[in-house]
C-alpha cells in the first residue's frame, strides 16, 4: 500500500513519519489567506472607516486623557509595535498630545513585563513618546470598584482605565479554549482587572459542582451560552471602551485582517475571520490523531502545549489515541503551572481550583481532563517522562515508539488517522461546530 510522508515541527527541527495512504482521513490545516501587505496602512484605513463607530479622530476630543491597552509579552505575535505610532498620530491629530496618553500593558494575572519587553511590544519610539506602564492585578490601591455583574462578579479595574476620558483597546483575535475567542473584551478581563475579579469570572469555566469538571460551554469557538464569556462581556461593559483595534493573524503570523470601531461589533466581525481561517470541518473523527504544539517556542513547555491538546480532542474518537509532539526543553516552567500536578490527581486539582482559581491551574486541569476522552502519547525528551505521566499521558522518546503504542491501544490493525500540523491554532469542526466524542 502506498504510504504518505509527513513532517511535523518538534523543537527546532522536524520529525518525519509515514502512514498508509488509505488510513489517512485528512490533514487539518488553516485556510491559506493572503497577508495584508501594509499593516500600518490597513490600520489607518480601519481607524478612518470603522465598524459601528465614528472615526477615531472624531471619538477623541482635544485635551482628553487617553488610555490605550496593549497585550503582554505572551501576545507579542500581535505586533502592535508596527502600528502603535500610527494610532498615536491619529490621536494627536484629534488634539491630544503625547503627554496625555498612557499605554497600559494589560498583563491580566501574568507576571509584570520588563522595560525591555515594553520596547518589544510597543516599539522603542513609542516608549519614548508616551508613558508605558504595567497593569498589576494584585495592586489593590490602583483599582477602582465599578459594581457587580448579574452573576455576582465584583468588578474592579485599573485606575488608569477607570479615570481615562477615552479607552482604546488593541489586541489580536484567535480561538480561546475558555471563552471562545481571544481579543476584544479580554483587554478588560483579565487584561486590566483585579485578581479577585479575574478569579471570580474564571470560575465560570468550571461546572457548578465539585466533580463536574470543566464547563462544557467553555470551549473554543463558542460564545453563545458560554457563561465565562457572557460575564466577561458584562465586565467590559462597565468600562465601555470607546474604540477597538484588533487584528487577526495568518497561520504564519502576519496580519490577515484589521477590525476597528465599536468594541463589540468590530470584535465580532473579527471572530468570523478566525472561523474562516482556523475552523476546519472534518468528514469524520479518527482512531488516532497526530499533532504538534508547533515547534520552538510554542513547545518550550507543557503549559504552552495545552491548546494543542485541547484542539486534538475535537478530531479524535472517544477512546481513541492522540500522539502529541512537544519537545518541552523547559517542561517544569513556569512553576506556578507545574506545581498544580503535585496535587496528584484531577479531582484534587479541581477542588483546589474552586478554592483558589488560577489560569495555570486551569490549564493543568484541562490537560488532565484530555485523558478522559483519549489516550495521549507525548513524544518528548526522555527526561520529561515523570511530569508527562503526572499529566495523565504516556511518554515516548520517538515517533516510532509512539506509533507502536498507538497501534496497541487502538485494538485494530488499520486505525484511521487525522494529522494536525497546526495543532495550536486549528480547531476541528463536526457539522460546523467543535464537538467531543
Foldseek 3Di string as FASTA:
>chain_A
DDWDWDWFAFAPGTFIDIARPVQAQEAAAFDDFDFDPQVQVQLVVCQCPADPFHRPLVLAAAPFQEEEEFEFLVQLLQVQLRHVVVVQVSNVNSHYAQASYEYEHQDQADDWDDPVRVCSRRNPVNVVRHHYYYADQAPVVQWDWQQADPVGQTWIFGNSLVPGPAYEYEEEWAWDAFAAIDDQLVCTVSRGTHNSSNLVLSVLQADPDQPRGGDPQGGHNHHVVRSSNVRSVRNSVSSQHQKYWYFYAALVSGTRHIHMDGSPPSVVVNVVVNCNGFEAEGPAAWLEEEEELHHPPCLQEPLSSLLLLRLNQLRHAFAGEYEYRGARPPHCPPVVQLVLLVLQALSSLSVVCVVPNDPSSSSLNSLLCSVNRYAYEYAYDPVCQVSCVSSVHGYDPGPVRVVVVNCVSSPDPRTHYYYYSSSNGHHYAYVSHRDGD
